[in-house]
Amino acid sequence: MDVDSKNIRTAKFSIGAIVRHRIYPFRGVIFDVDPQFDNTEEWYEAIPEEIRPHKDQPFYHLFAENEEAEYIAYVSEQNLLPDESICPVNHTQISDFFSGFKDGIYTLKEDISH
């Protein structure tokens, strides 16, 4: 990867946090964090250039949902905002990673480590 490690920032959001996308109408719970971009160049180049994020920031793996579907999303930190609704996310894979939900945050299962 061509990203300079001196430019890597600390993640703003933690695993279990519920976030929403700044541009697109979906929200999700974070289940993993990459300190910098770690996906394919093909995926990156498919993002329209005018909204393509920088690679030198945390990227988050989300159990995401919108009004039509649930899916896995990979989103840059600059495109995420805290979800103020504190409502749970209704994604079928949440129970695979998280044991509970309290005060708007999911608790990671004890047998899962990052």
PDB file of N, CA and C in Angstrom:
ATOM      1  N   MET A   1       0.845  -1.168   0.000  1.00  0.00           N
ATOM      2  CA  MET A   1       0.000   0.000   0.000  1.00  0.00           C
ATOM      3  C   MET A   1       0.890   1.230   0.000  1.00  0.00           C
ATOM      4  N   ASP A   2       0.491   2.277  -0.720  1.00  0.00           N
ATOM      5  CA  ASP A   2       1.302   3.471  -0.863  1.00  0.00           C
ATOM      6  C   ASP A   2       1.020   4.553   0.172  1.00  0.00           C
ATOM      7  N   VAL A   3       0.252   4.236   1.189  1.00  0.00           N
ATOM      8  CA  VAL A   3      -0.099   5.233   2.187  1.00  0.00           C
ATOM      9  C   VAL A   3       1.034   5.354   3.199  1.00  0.00           C
ATOM     10  N   ASP A   4       1.430   6.573   3.515  1.00  0.00           N
ATOM     11  CA  ASP A   4       2.494   6.827   4.474  1.00  0.00           C
ATOM     12  C   ASP A   4       1.975   6.579   5.891  1.00  0.00           C
ATOM     13  N   SER A   5       2.621   5.669   6.625  1.00  0.00           N
ATOM     14  CA  SER A   5       2.137   5.301   7.952  1.00  0.00           C
ATOM     15  C   SER A   5       2.170   6.462   8.944  1.00  0.00           C
ATOM     16  N   LYS A   6       2.954   7.496   8.704  1.00  0.00           N
ATOM     17  CA  LYS A   6       2.983   8.658   9.591  1.00  0.00           C
ATOM     18  C   LYS A   6       1.672   9.436   9.542  1.00  0.00           C
ATOM     19  N   ASN A   7       0.904   9.256   8.483  1.00  0.00           N
ATOM     20  CA  ASN A   7      -0.347   9.993   8.325  1.00  0.00           C
ATOM     21  C   ASN A   7      -1.562   9.251   8.851  1.00  0.00           C
ATOM     22  N   ILE A   8      -1.385   8.045   9.395  1.00  0.00           N
ATOM     23  CA  ILE A   8      -2.525   7.273   9.882  1.00  0.00           C
ATOM     24  C   ILE A   8      -3.069   7.911  11.150  1.00  0.00           C
ATOM     25  N   ARG A   9      -4.383   8.103  11.168  1.00  0.00           N
ATOM     26  CA  ARG A   9      -5.042   8.721  12.318  1.00  0.00           C
ATOM     27  C   ARG A   9      -5.681   7.673  13.207  1.00  0.00           C
ATOM     28  N   THR A  10      -5.946   8.056  14.434  1.00  0.00           N
ATOM     29  CA  THR A  10      -6.677   7.212  15.363  1.00  0.00           C
ATOM     30  C   THR A  10      -8.144   7.215  14.966  1.00  0.00           C
ATOM     31  N   ALA A  11      -8.788   6.052  15.045  1.00  0.00           N
ATOM     32  CA  ALA A  11     -10.192   5.934  14.671  1.00  0.00           C
ATOM     33  C   ALA A  11     -11.079   6.776  15.586  1.00  0.00           C
ATOM     34  N   LYS A  12     -11.994   7.488  15.003  1.00  0.00           N
ATOM     35  CA  LYS A  12     -12.943   8.333  15.725  1.00  0.00           C
ATOM     36  C   LYS A  12     -14.068   7.505  16.335  1.00  0.00           C
ATOM     37  N   PHE A  13     -14.465   6.429  15.636  1.00  0.00           N
ATOM     38  CA  PHE A  13     -15.576   5.595  16.081  1.00  0.00           C
ATOM     39  C   PHE A  13     -15.054   4.241  16.531  1.00  0.00           C
ATOM     40  N   SER A  14     -15.741   3.624  17.464  1.00  0.00           N
ATOM     41  CA  SER A  14     -15.298   2.333  17.990  1.00  0.00           C
ATOM     42  C   SER A  14     -16.219   1.209  17.539  1.00  0.00           C
ATOM     43  N   ILE A  15     -15.732  -0.004  17.681  1.00  0.00           N
ATOM     44  CA  ILE A  15     -16.534  -1.183  17.369  1.00  0.00           C
ATOM     45  C   ILE A  15     -17.738  -1.195  18.290  1.00  0.00           C
ATOM     46  N   GLY A  16     -18.907  -1.433  17.705  1.00  0.00           N
ATOM     47  CA  GLY A  16     -20.160  -1.428  18.450  1.00  0.00           C
ATOM     48  C   GLY A  16     -20.934  -0.132  18.328  1.00  0.00           C
ATOM     49  N   ALA A  17     -20.288   0.916  17.830  1.00  0.00           N
ATOM     50  CA  ALA A  17     -20.965   2.206  17.666  1.00  0.00           C
ATOM     51  C   ALA A  17     -21.911   2.162  16.467  1.00  0.00           C
ATOM     52  N   ILE A  18     -22.999   2.900  16.575  1.00  0.00           N
ATOM     53  CA  ILE A  18     -23.938   3.032  15.463  1.00  0.00           C
ATOM     54  C   ILE A  18     -23.664   4.361  14.778  1.00  0.00           C
ATOM     55  N   VAL A  19     -23.518   4.299  13.468  1.00  0.00           N
ATOM     56  CA  VAL A  19     -23.197   5.477  12.663  1.00  0.00           C
ATOM     57  C   VAL A  19     -24.139   5.555  11.471  1.00  0.00           C
ATOM     58  N   ARG A  20     -24.144   6.705  10.852  1.00  0.00           N
ATOM     59  CA  ARG A  20     -24.905   6.870   9.607  1.00  0.00           C
ATOM     60  C   ARG A  20     -23.986   7.494   8.569  1.00  0.00           C
ATOM     61  N   HIS A  21     -24.325   7.258   7.304  1.00  0.00           N
ATOM     62  CA  HIS A  21     -23.518   7.803   6.212  1.00  0.00           C
ATOM     63  C   HIS A  21     -23.855   9.270   6.004  1.00  0.00           C
ATOM     64  N   ARG A  22     -22.835  10.048   5.762  1.00  0.00           N
ATOM     65  CA  ARG A  22     -22.989  11.500   5.567  1.00  0.00           C
ATOM     66  C   ARG A  22     -23.773  11.832   4.292  1.00  0.00           C
ATOM     67  N   ILE A  23     -23.632  11.016   3.250  1.00  0.00           N
ATOM     68  CA  ILE A  23     -24.243  11.315   1.951  1.00  0.00           C
ATOM     69  C   ILE A  23     -25.425  10.402   1.645  1.00  0.00           C
ATOM     70  N   TYR A  24     -25.235   9.104   1.812  1.00  0.00           N
ATOM     71  CA  TYR A  24     -26.245   8.123   1.424  1.00  0.00           C
ATOM     72  C   TYR A  24     -27.130   7.736   2.601  1.00  0.00           C
ATOM     73  N   PRO A  25     -28.396   7.390   2.329  1.00  0.00           N
ATOM     74  CA  PRO A  25     -29.347   7.121   3.416  1.00  0.00           C
ATOM     75  C   PRO A  25     -29.232   5.707   3.993  1.00  0.00           C
ATOM     76  N   PHE A  26     -28.159   5.461   4.738  1.00  0.00           N
ATOM     77  CA  PHE A  26     -28.065   4.210   5.471  1.00  0.00           C
ATOM     78  C   PHE A  26     -27.329   4.419   6.778  1.00  0.00           C
ATOM     79  N   ARG A  27     -27.542   3.471   7.676  1.00  0.00           N
ATOM     80  CA  ARG A  27     -26.894   3.490   8.979  1.00  0.00           C
ATOM     81  C   ARG A  27     -26.399   2.088   9.271  1.00  0.00           C
ATOM     82  N   GLY A  28     -25.539   1.950  10.273  1.00  0.00           N
ATOM     83  CA  GLY A  28     -25.037   0.627  10.577  1.00  0.00           C
ATOM     84  C   GLY A  28     -24.253   0.602  11.873  1.00  0.00           C
ATOM     85  N   VAL A  29     -23.894  -0.609  12.274  1.00  0.00           N
ATOM     86  CA  VAL A  29     -23.076  -0.801  13.468  1.00  0.00           C
ATOM     87  C   VAL A  29     -21.682  -1.234  13.025  1.00  0.00           C
ATOM     88  N   ILE A  30     -20.667  -0.643  13.613  1.00  0.00           N
ATOM     89  CA  ILE A  30     -19.282  -0.941  13.256  1.00  0.00           C
ATOM     90  C   ILE A  30     -18.874  -2.278  13.860  1.00  0.00           C
ATOM     91  N   PHE A  31     -18.342  -3.173  12.996  1.00  0.00           N
ATOM     92  CA  PHE A  31     -17.851  -4.443  13.519  1.00  0.00           C
ATOM     93  C   PHE A  31     -16.361  -4.655  13.281  1.00  0.00           C
ATOM     94  N   ASP A  32     -15.714  -3.760  12.537  1.00  0.00           N
ATOM     95  CA  ASP A  32     -14.273  -3.829  12.344  1.00  0.00           C
ATOM     96  C   ASP A  32     -13.783  -2.476  11.847  1.00  0.00           C
ATOM     97  N   VAL A  33     -12.506  -2.185  12.096  1.00  0.00           N
ATOM     98  CA  VAL A  33     -11.905  -0.917  11.681  1.00  0.00           C
ATOM     99  C   VAL A  33     -10.548  -1.197  11.055  1.00  0.00           C
ATOM    100  N   ASP A  34     -10.303  -0.605   9.901  1.00  0.00           N
ATOM    101  CA  ASP A  34      -8.983  -0.617   9.278  1.00  0.00           C
ATOM    102  C   ASP A  34      -8.357   0.753   9.530  1.00  0.00           C
ATOM    103  N   PRO A  35      -7.115   0.828  10.010  1.00  0.00           N
ATOM    104  CA  PRO A  35      -6.500   2.132  10.282  1.00  0.00           C
ATOM    105  C   PRO A  35      -6.311   2.984   9.031  1.00  0.00           C
ATOM    106  N   GLN A  36      -6.298   2.350   7.880  1.00  0.00           N
ATOM    107  CA  GLN A  36      -6.239   3.045   6.592  1.00  0.00           C
ATOM    108  C   GLN A  36      -6.935   2.154   5.573  1.00  0.00           C
ATOM    109  N   PHE A  37      -7.138   2.672   4.389  1.00  0.00           N
ATOM    110  CA  PHE A  37      -7.820   1.931   3.331  1.00  0.00           C
ATOM    111  C   PHE A  37      -7.187   0.559   3.127  1.00  0.00           C
ATOM    112  N   ASP A  38      -8.020  -0.474   3.084  1.00  0.00           N
ATOM    113  CA  ASP A  38      -7.525  -1.838   2.894  1.00  0.00           C
ATOM    114  C   ASP A  38      -8.524  -2.653   2.067  1.00  0.00           C
ATOM    115  N   ASN A  39      -8.878  -2.120   0.920  1.00  0.00           N
ATOM    116  CA  ASN A  39      -9.771  -2.799  -0.003  1.00  0.00           C
ATOM    117  C   ASN A  39      -9.081  -2.794  -1.365  1.00  0.00           C
ATOM    118  N   THR A  40      -9.761  -3.244  -2.397  1.00  0.00           N
ATOM    119  CA  THR A  40      -9.135  -3.333  -3.717  1.00  0.00           C
ATOM    120  C   THR A  40      -9.111  -1.977  -4.426  1.00  0.00           C
ATOM    121  N   GLU A  41      -8.150  -1.829  -5.313  1.00  0.00           N
ATOM    122  CA  GLU A  41      -8.095  -0.615  -6.136  1.00  0.00           C
ATOM    123  C   GLU A  41      -9.340  -0.507  -7.003  1.00  0.00           C
ATOM    124  N   GLU A  42      -9.830  -1.637  -7.478  1.00  0.00           N
ATOM    125  CA  GLU A  42     -11.058  -1.639  -8.290  1.00  0.00           C
ATOM    126  C   GLU A  42     -12.223  -1.028  -7.506  1.00  0.00           C
ATOM    127  N   TRP A  43     -12.377  -1.435  -6.238  1.00  0.00           N
ATOM    128  CA  TRP A  43     -13.432  -0.887  -5.384  1.00  0.00           C
ATOM    129  C   TRP A  43     -13.241   0.620  -5.234  1.00  0.00           C
ATOM    130  N   TYR A  44     -12.014   1.034  -4.956  1.00  0.00           N
ATOM    131  CA  TYR A  44     -11.707   2.446  -4.739  1.00  0.00           C
ATOM    132  C   TYR A  44     -11.982   3.281  -5.991  1.00  0.00           C
ATOM    133  N   GLU A  45     -11.535   2.803  -7.132  1.00  0.00           N
ATOM    134  CA  GLU A  45     -11.714   3.542  -8.389  1.00  0.00           C
ATOM    135  C   GLU A  45     -13.174   3.608  -8.826  1.00  0.00           C
ATOM    136  N   ALA A  46     -14.026   2.711  -8.311  1.00  0.00           N
ATOM    137  CA  ALA A  46     -15.448   2.725  -8.656  1.00  0.00           C
ATOM    138  C   ALA A  46     -16.189   3.877  -7.978  1.00  0.00           C
ATOM    139  N   ILE A  47     -15.586   4.476  -6.963  1.00  0.00           N
ATOM    140  CA  ILE A  47     -16.193   5.620  -6.284  1.00  0.00           C
ATOM    141  C   ILE A  47     -16.008   6.849  -7.172  1.00  0.00           C
ATOM    142  N   PRO A  48     -17.087   7.597  -7.429  1.00  0.00           N
ATOM    143  CA  PRO A  48     -16.933   8.801  -8.256  1.00  0.00           C
ATOM    144  C   PRO A  48     -15.839   9.719  -7.696  1.00  0.00           C
ATOM    145  N   GLU A  49     -14.980  10.202  -8.581  1.00  0.00           N
ATOM    146  CA  GLU A  49     -13.812  10.974  -8.169  1.00  0.00           C
ATOM    147  C   GLU A  49     -14.162  12.165  -7.285  1.00  0.00           C
ATOM    148  N   GLU A  50     -15.279  12.820  -7.564  1.00  0.00           N
ATOM    149  CA  GLU A  50     -15.637  14.016  -6.793  1.00  0.00           C
ATOM    150  C   GLU A  50     -16.021  13.704  -5.341  1.00  0.00           C
ATOM    151  N   ILE A  51     -16.309  12.452  -5.018  1.00  0.00           N
ATOM    152  CA  ILE A  51     -16.609  12.089  -3.623  1.00  0.00           C
ATOM    153  C   ILE A  51     -15.679  10.998  -3.095  1.00  0.00           C
ATOM    154  N   ARG A  52     -14.649  10.655  -3.860  1.00  0.00           N
ATOM    155  CA  ARG A  52     -13.706   9.611  -3.452  1.00  0.00           C
ATOM    156  C   ARG A  52     -12.912  10.065  -2.230  1.00  0.00           C
ATOM    157  N   PRO A  53     -12.933   9.279  -1.149  1.00  0.00           N
ATOM    158  CA  PRO A  53     -12.218   9.675   0.072  1.00  0.00           C
ATOM    159  C   PRO A  53     -10.714   9.437  -0.034  1.00  0.00           C
ATOM    160  N   HIS A  54      -9.975  10.097   0.821  1.00  0.00           N
ATOM    161  CA  HIS A  54      -8.543   9.847   0.924  1.00  0.00           C
ATOM    162  C   HIS A  54      -8.327   8.490   1.579  1.00  0.00           C
ATOM    163  N   LYS A  55      -7.240   7.829   1.243  1.00  0.00           N
ATOM    164  CA  LYS A  55      -6.940   6.502   1.789  1.00  0.00           C
ATOM    165  C   LYS A  55      -6.312   6.554   3.181  1.00  0.00           C
ATOM    166  N   ASP A  56      -5.750   7.681   3.552  1.00  0.00           N
ATOM    167  CA  ASP A  56      -4.995   7.786   4.802  1.00  0.00           C
ATOM    168  C   ASP A  56      -5.890   8.167   5.988  1.00  0.00           C
ATOM    169  N   GLN A  57      -6.947   7.428   6.165  1.00  0.00           N
ATOM    170  CA  GLN A  57      -7.873   7.625   7.270  1.00  0.00           C
ATOM    171  C   GLN A  57      -8.476   6.281   7.631  1.00  0.00           C
ATOM    172  N   PRO A  58      -9.060   6.146   8.806  1.00  0.00           N
ATOM    173  CA  PRO A  58      -9.716   4.880   9.138  1.00  0.00           C
ATOM    174  C   PRO A  58     -10.884   4.581   8.197  1.00  0.00           C
ATOM    175  N   PHE A  59     -11.052   3.299   7.895  1.00  0.00           N
ATOM    176  CA  PHE A  59     -12.200   2.800   7.134  1.00  0.00           C
ATOM    177  C   PHE A  59     -12.908   1.774   8.011  1.00  0.00           C
ATOM    178  N   TYR A  60     -14.219   1.790   7.977  1.00  0.00           N
ATOM    179  CA  TYR A  60     -15.033   0.993   8.879  1.00  0.00           C
ATOM    180  C   TYR A  60     -15.858  -0.047   8.128  1.00  0.00           C
ATOM    181  N   HIS A  61     -15.940  -1.228   8.727  1.00  0.00           N
ATOM    182  CA  HIS A  61     -16.805  -2.292   8.234  1.00  0.00           C
ATOM    183  C   HIS A  61     -18.100  -2.198   9.032  1.00  0.00           C
ATOM    184  N   LEU A  62     -19.225  -2.099   8.336  1.00  0.00           N
ATOM    185  CA  LEU A  62     -20.512  -1.919   8.998  1.00  0.00           C
ATOM    186  C   LEU A  62     -21.496  -3.021   8.633  1.00  0.00           C
ATOM    187  N   PHE A  63     -22.287  -3.440   9.614  1.00  0.00           N
ATOM    188  CA  PHE A  63     -23.512  -4.166   9.339  1.00  0.00           C
ATOM    189  C   PHE A  63     -24.515  -3.056   9.067  1.00  0.00           C
ATOM    190  N   ALA A  64     -24.811  -2.818   7.797  1.00  0.00           N
ATOM    191  CA  ALA A  64     -25.576  -1.653   7.380  1.00  0.00           C
ATOM    192  C   ALA A  64     -27.004  -2.011   6.990  1.00  0.00           C
ATOM    193  N   GLU A  65     -27.858  -0.986   7.044  1.00  0.00           N
ATOM    194  CA  GLU A  65     -29.248  -1.141   6.628  1.00  0.00           C
ATOM    195  C   GLU A  65     -29.758   0.175   6.066  1.00  0.00           C
ATOM    196  N   ASN A  66     -30.670   0.032   5.121  1.00  0.00           N
ATOM    197  CA  ASN A  66     -31.438   1.175   4.659  1.00  0.00           C
ATOM    198  C   ASN A  66     -32.897   0.723   4.619  1.00  0.00           C
ATOM    199  N   GLU A  67     -33.765   1.467   4.006  1.00  0.00           N
ATOM    200  CA  GLU A  67     -35.177   1.094   4.010  1.00  0.00           C
ATOM    201  C   GLU A  67     -35.473  -0.159   3.196  1.00  0.00           C
ATOM    202  N   GLU A  68     -34.598  -0.539   2.264  1.00  0.00           N
ATOM    203  CA  GLU A  68     -34.857  -1.683   1.396  1.00  0.00           C
ATOM    204  C   GLU A  68     -34.093  -2.950   1.754  1.00  0.00           C
ATOM    205  N   ALA A  69     -32.909  -2.826   2.375  1.00  0.00           N
ATOM    206  CA  ALA A  69     -32.053  -4.003   2.517  1.00  0.00           C
ATOM    207  C   ALA A  69     -31.075  -3.868   3.674  1.00  0.00           C
ATOM    208  N   GLU A  70     -30.443  -5.004   3.979  1.00  0.00           N
ATOM    209  CA  GLU A  70     -29.308  -5.022   4.898  1.00  0.00           C
ATOM    210  C   GLU A  70     -28.116  -5.558   4.123  1.00  0.00           C
ATOM    211  N   TYR A  71     -26.918  -5.114   4.482  1.00  0.00           N
ATOM    212  CA  TYR A  71     -25.721  -5.480   3.736  1.00  0.00           C
ATOM    213  C   TYR A  71     -24.497  -5.125   4.552  1.00  0.00           C
ATOM    214  N   ILE A  72     -23.330  -5.457   4.043  1.00  0.00           N
ATOM    215  CA  ILE A  72     -22.061  -5.070   4.643  1.00  0.00           C
ATOM    216  C   ILE A  72     -21.553  -3.853   3.866  1.00  0.00           C
ATOM    217  N   ALA A  73     -21.140  -2.819   4.587  1.00  0.00           N
ATOM    218  CA  ALA A  73     -20.611  -1.615   3.947  1.00  0.00           C
ATOM    219  C   ALA A  73     -19.182  -1.366   4.429  1.00  0.00           C
ATOM    220  N   TYR A  74     -18.406  -0.731   3.572  1.00  0.00           N
ATOM    221  CA  TYR A  74     -17.028  -0.336   3.883  1.00  0.00           C
ATOM    222  C   TYR A  74     -16.958   1.166   3.652  1.00  0.00           C
ATOM    223  N   VAL A  75     -16.776   1.946   4.732  1.00  0.00           N
ATOM    224  CA  VAL A  75     -16.959   3.390   4.634  1.00  0.00           C
ATOM    225  C   VAL A  75     -15.801   4.133   5.290  1.00  0.00           C
ATOM    226  N   SER A  76     -15.362   5.203   4.633  1.00  0.00           N
ATOM    227  CA  SER A  76     -14.298   6.052   5.186  1.00  0.00           C
ATOM    228  C   SER A  76     -14.837   6.862   6.359  1.00  0.00           C
ATOM    229  N   GLU A  77     -13.931   7.199   7.256  1.00  0.00           N
ATOM    230  CA  GLU A  77     -14.326   7.974   8.430  1.00  0.00           C
ATOM    231  C   GLU A  77     -14.959   9.311   8.048  1.00  0.00           C
ATOM    232  N   GLN A  78     -14.427   9.967   7.012  1.00  0.00           N
ATOM    233  CA  GLN A  78     -14.950  11.276   6.624  1.00  0.00           C
ATOM    234  C   GLN A  78     -16.411  11.220   6.195  1.00  0.00           C
ATOM    235  N   ASN A  79     -16.905  10.042   5.843  1.00  0.00           N
ATOM    236  CA  ASN A  79     -18.286   9.911   5.388  1.00  0.00           C
ATOM    237  C   ASN A  79     -19.226   9.361   6.455  1.00  0.00           C
ATOM    238  N   LEU A  80     -18.768   9.289   7.696  1.00  0.00           N
ATOM    239  CA  LEU A  80     -19.620   8.782   8.769  1.00  0.00           C
ATOM    240  C   LEU A  80     -19.907   9.854   9.803  1.00  0.00           C
ATOM    241  N   LEU A  81     -21.107   9.768  10.353  1.00  0.00           N
ATOM    242  CA  LEU A  81     -21.544  10.630  11.449  1.00  0.00           C
ATOM    243  C   LEU A  81     -22.132   9.746  12.536  1.00  0.00           C
ATOM    244  N   PRO A  82     -22.090  10.189  13.791  1.00  0.00           N
ATOM    245  CA  PRO A  82     -22.757   9.398  14.833  1.00  0.00           C
ATOM    246  C   PRO A  82     -24.256   9.333  14.539  1.00  0.00           C
ATOM    247  N   ASP A  83     -24.866   8.205  14.797  1.00  0.00           N
ATOM    248  CA  ASP A  83     -26.313   8.077  14.640  1.00  0.00           C
ATOM    249  C   ASP A  83     -26.945   8.502  15.958  1.00  0.00           C
ATOM    250  N   GLU A  84     -27.720   9.544  15.925  1.00  0.00           N
ATOM    251  CA  GLU A  84     -28.295  10.112  17.144  1.00  0.00           C
ATOM    252  C   GLU A  84     -29.561   9.396  17.606  1.00  0.00           C
ATOM    253  N   SER A  85     -30.086   8.471  16.810  1.00  0.00           N
ATOM    254  CA  SER A  85     -31.374   7.852  17.138  1.00  0.00           C
ATOM    255  C   SER A  85     -31.291   6.852  18.290  1.00  0.00           C
ATOM    256  N   ILE A  86     -30.145   6.301  18.575  1.00  0.00           N
ATOM    257  CA  ILE A  86     -29.890   5.234  19.557  1.00  0.00           C
ATOM    258  C   ILE A  86     -30.831   4.040  19.414  1.00  0.00           C
ATOM    259  N   CYS A  87     -31.416   3.881  18.229  1.00  0.00           N
ATOM    260  CA  CYS A  87     -32.243   2.706  17.935  1.00  0.00           C
ATOM    261  C   CYS A  87     -31.329   1.585  17.442  1.00  0.00           C
ATOM    262  N   PRO A  88     -31.647   0.333  17.775  1.00  0.00           N
ATOM    263  CA  PRO A  88     -30.810  -0.766  17.289  1.00  0.00           C
ATOM    264  C   PRO A  88     -30.850  -0.889  15.764  1.00  0.00           C
ATOM    265  N   VAL A  89     -29.820  -1.503  15.217  1.00  0.00           N
ATOM    266  CA  VAL A  89     -29.738  -1.801  13.787  1.00  0.00           C
ATOM    267  C   VAL A  89     -30.315  -3.201  13.598  1.00  0.00           C
ATOM    268  N   ASN A  90     -31.124  -3.383  12.594  1.00  0.00           N
ATOM    269  CA  ASN A  90     -31.804  -4.662  12.360  1.00  0.00           C
ATOM    270  C   ASN A  90     -31.107  -5.483  11.286  1.00  0.00           C
ATOM    271  N   HIS A  91     -29.897  -5.894  11.539  1.00  0.00           N
ATOM    272  CA  HIS A  91     -29.117  -6.689  10.590  1.00  0.00           C
ATOM    273  C   HIS A  91     -28.967  -8.086  11.173  1.00  0.00           C
ATOM    274  N   THR A  92     -29.209  -9.115  10.369  1.00  0.00           N
ATOM    275  CA  THR A  92     -29.216 -10.491  10.877  1.00  0.00           C
ATOM    276  C   THR A  92     -27.867 -10.974  11.384  1.00  0.00           C
ATOM    277  N   GLN A  93     -26.763 -10.373  10.981  1.00  0.00           N
ATOM    278  CA  GLN A  93     -25.442 -10.834  11.411  1.00  0.00           C
ATOM    279  C   GLN A  93     -24.964 -10.203  12.724  1.00  0.00           C
ATOM    280  N   ILE A  94     -25.691  -9.266  13.258  1.00  0.00           N
ATOM    281  CA  ILE A  94     -25.277  -8.592  14.490  1.00  0.00           C
ATOM    282  C   ILE A  94     -25.068  -9.579  15.623  1.00  0.00           C
ATOM    283  N   SER A  95     -25.949 -10.552  15.757  1.00  0.00           N
ATOM    284  CA  SER A  95     -25.834 -11.515  16.863  1.00  0.00           C
ATOM    285  C   SER A  95     -24.600 -12.415  16.732  1.00  0.00           C
ATOM    286  N   ASP A  96     -23.974 -12.459  15.561  1.00  0.00           N
ATOM    287  CA  ASP A  96     -22.740 -13.226  15.384  1.00  0.00           C
ATOM    288  C   ASP A  96     -21.551 -12.555  16.078  1.00  0.00           C
ATOM    289  N   PHE A  97     -21.592 -11.243  16.248  1.00  0.00           N
ATOM    290  CA  PHE A  97     -20.477 -10.465  16.798  1.00  0.00           C
ATOM    291  C   PHE A  97     -20.766  -9.834  18.155  1.00  0.00           C
ATOM    292  N   PHE A  98     -22.035  -9.511  18.384  1.00  0.00           N
ATOM    293  CA  PHE A  98     -22.385  -8.723  19.561  1.00  0.00           C
ATOM    294  C   PHE A  98     -23.337  -9.478  20.488  1.00  0.00           C
ATOM    295  N   SER A  99     -23.146  -9.255  21.795  1.00  0.00           N
ATOM    296  CA  SER A  99     -23.963  -9.965  22.780  1.00  0.00           C
ATOM    297  C   SER A  99     -25.096  -9.125  23.342  1.00  0.00           C
ATOM    298  N   GLY A 100     -25.036  -7.829  23.181  1.00  0.00           N
ATOM    299  CA  GLY A 100     -26.082  -6.986  23.732  1.00  0.00           C
ATOM    300  C   GLY A 100     -26.070  -5.600  23.147  1.00  0.00           C
ATOM    301  N   PHE A 101     -27.090  -4.826  23.545  1.00  0.00           N
ATOM    302  CA  PHE A 101     -27.252  -3.455  23.064  1.00  0.00           C
ATOM    303  C   PHE A 101     -27.741  -2.614  24.231  1.00  0.00           C
ATOM    304  N   LYS A 102     -26.990  -1.569  24.569  1.00  0.00           N
ATOM    305  CA  LYS A 102     -27.375  -0.713  25.687  1.00  0.00           C
ATOM    306  C   LYS A 102     -26.930   0.712  25.410  1.00  0.00           C
ATOM    307  N   ASP A 103     -27.822   1.651  25.620  1.00  0.00           N
ATOM    308  CA  ASP A 103     -27.523   3.082  25.461  1.00  0.00           C
ATOM    309  C   ASP A 103     -26.959   3.411  24.079  1.00  0.00           C
ATOM    310  N   GLY A 104     -27.462   2.740  23.056  1.00  0.00           N
ATOM    311  CA  GLY A 104     -27.054   3.037  21.691  1.00  0.00           C
ATOM    312  C   GLY A 104     -25.745   2.426  21.243  1.00  0.00           C
ATOM    313  N   ILE A 105     -25.179   1.495  22.025  1.00  0.00           N
ATOM    314  CA  ILE A 105     -23.904   0.863  21.675  1.00  0.00           C
ATOM    315  C   ILE A 105     -24.034  -0.650  21.825  1.00  0.00           C
ATOM    316  N   TYR A 106     -23.468  -1.372  20.879  1.00  0.00           N
ATOM    317  CA  TYR A 106     -23.443  -2.829  20.930  1.00  0.00           C
ATOM    318  C   TYR A 106     -22.220  -3.298  21.701  1.00  0.00           C
ATOM    319  N   THR A 107     -22.391  -4.374  22.461  1.00  0.00           N
ATOM    320  CA  THR A 107     -21.300  -4.978  23.227  1.00  0.00           C
ATOM    321  C   THR A 107     -20.751  -6.162  22.455  1.00  0.00           C
ATOM    322  N   LEU A 108     -19.451  -6.134  22.179  1.00  0.00           N
ATOM    323  CA  LEU A 108     -18.786  -7.212  21.452  1.00  0.00           C
ATOM    324  C   LEU A 108     -18.790  -8.481  22.297  1.00  0.00           C
ATOM    325  N   LYS A 109     -19.043  -9.610  21.671  1.00  0.00           N
ATOM    326  CA  LYS A 109     -18.995 -10.890  22.380  1.00  0.00           C
ATOM    327  C   LYS A 109     -17.598 -11.102  22.942  1.00  0.00           C
ATOM    328  N   GLU A 110     -17.497 -11.736  24.095  1.00  0.00           N
ATOM    329  CA  GLU A 110     -16.208 -11.941  24.748  1.00  0.00           C
ATOM    330  C   GLU A 110     -15.265 -12.813  23.944  1.00  0.00           C
ATOM    331  N   ASP A 111     -15.782 -13.756  23.170  1.00  0.00           N
ATOM    332  CA  ASP A 111     -14.914 -14.671  22.424  1.00  0.00           C
ATOM    333  C   ASP A 111     -14.476 -14.111  21.063  1.00  0.00           C
ATOM    334  N   ILE A 112     -14.792 -12.861  20.793  1.00  0.00           N
ATOM    335  CA  ILE A 112     -14.365 -12.222  19.537  1.00  0.00           C
ATOM    336  C   ILE A 112     -13.355 -11.145  19.893  1.00  0.00           C
ATOM    337  N   SER A 113     -12.200 -11.186  19.224  1.00  0.00           N
ATOM    338  CA  SER A 113     -11.177 -10.176  19.494  1.00  0.00           C
ATOM    339  C   SER A 113     -10.737  -9.524  18.198  1.00  0.00           C
ATOM    340  N   HIS A 114     -10.257  -8.322  18.312  1.00  0.00           N
ATOM    341  CA  HIS A 114      -9.739  -7.583  17.154  1.00  0.00           C
ATOM    342  C   HIS A 114      -8.350  -7.147  17.433  1.00  0.00           C
TER     343      HIS A 114
END
